[in-house]
């Protein structure tokens, strides 16, 4: 069993380099990672794909501001 299995991690700024790396590492340890977006849905999709391709779990949250 992974160290963070059953836990949920919220990483602010996860679409940037350091935040994305933290989100990916937490997912690799078994946490479900909340990926929030305010502007960049496409950036969110890229991060979600990287996490899920490695077997991680994500929870998407956000909306686009006009």
Protein backbone atom coordinates (compact mmCIF):
# COMPACT_ATOMS: atom_id res chain seq x y z
CA UNK A 1 0.00 0.00 0.00
CA UNK A 2 1.27 3.45 -0.87
CA UNK A 3 2.14 5.93 1.83
CA UNK A 4 -0.63 8.38 0.86
CA UNK A 5 -3.28 5.92 -0.31
CA UNK A 6 -6.76 7.17 0.53
CA UNK A 7 -5.55 10.75 1.07
CA UNK A 8 -6.43 13.82 -1.00
CA UNK A 9 -3.77 16.44 -1.78
CA UNK A 10 -4.54 20.01 -2.85
CA UNK A 11 -1.58 21.66 -4.55
CA UNK A 12 -1.94 25.33 -5.42
CA UNK A 13 -0.04 26.41 -8.51
CA UNK A 14 0.12 22.83 -9.76
CA UNK A 15 0.28 23.90 -13.40
CA UNK A 16 3.68 25.53 -12.90
CA UNK A 17 6.94 23.59 -12.77
CA UNK A 18 7.44 23.16 -9.01
CA UNK A 19 3.74 22.71 -8.26
CA UNK A 20 3.35 20.21 -11.10
CA UNK A 21 6.30 18.20 -9.83
CA UNK A 22 4.87 18.17 -6.30
CA UNK A 23 1.46 17.08 -7.62
CA UNK A 24 3.04 14.26 -9.62
CA UNK A 25 5.11 13.06 -6.65
CA UNK A 26 2.09 13.08 -4.32
CA UNK A 27 0.09 11.10 -6.88
CA UNK A 28 2.94 8.61 -7.21
CA UNK A 29 2.76 8.08 -3.44
CA UNK A 30 -0.94 7.23 -3.74
CA UNK A 31 -2.75 10.52 -3.05
CA UNK A 32 -5.63 11.70 -5.18
CA UNK A 33 -4.51 15.13 -6.36
CA UNK A 34 -6.91 18.04 -6.80
CA UNK A 35 -5.97 19.85 -10.00
CA UNK A 36 -7.60 23.28 -10.05
CA UNK A 37 -7.71 25.62 -13.02
CA UNK A 38 -8.85 29.21 -13.32
CA UNK A 39 -7.68 29.99 -16.85
CA UNK A 40 -5.86 27.12 -18.53
CA UNK A 41 -8.00 24.06 -19.09
CA UNK A 42 -5.46 22.76 -21.62
CA UNK A 43 -2.64 23.04 -19.07
CA UNK A 44 -4.78 21.12 -16.60
CA UNK A 45 -5.42 18.40 -19.17
CA UNK A 46 -1.68 17.95 -19.73
CA UNK A 47 -0.96 17.55 -16.00
CA UNK A 48 -3.92 15.20 -15.48
CA UNK A 49 -2.72 13.05 -18.39
CA UNK A 50 0.83 12.84 -16.97
CA UNK A 51 -0.50 11.80 -13.56
CA UNK A 52 -3.07 9.28 -14.80
CA UNK A 53 -0.70 7.67 -17.31
CA UNK A 54 1.45 6.70 -14.33
CA UNK A 55 -1.55 5.23 -12.49
CA UNK A 56 -2.28 8.28 -10.32
CA UNK A 57 -5.69 9.70 -9.51
CA UNK A 58 -6.84 13.28 -9.99
CA UNK A 59 -9.85 15.38 -9.07
CA UNK A 60 -10.42 18.29 -11.43
CA UNK A 61 -11.85 21.53 -10.17
CA UNK A 62 -12.20 25.00 -11.62
CA UNK A 63 -13.75 27.31 -14.09
CA UNK A 64 -12.73 29.71 -16.82
CA UNK A 65 -12.98 33.45 -16.15
CA UNK A 66 -14.15 35.49 -19.12
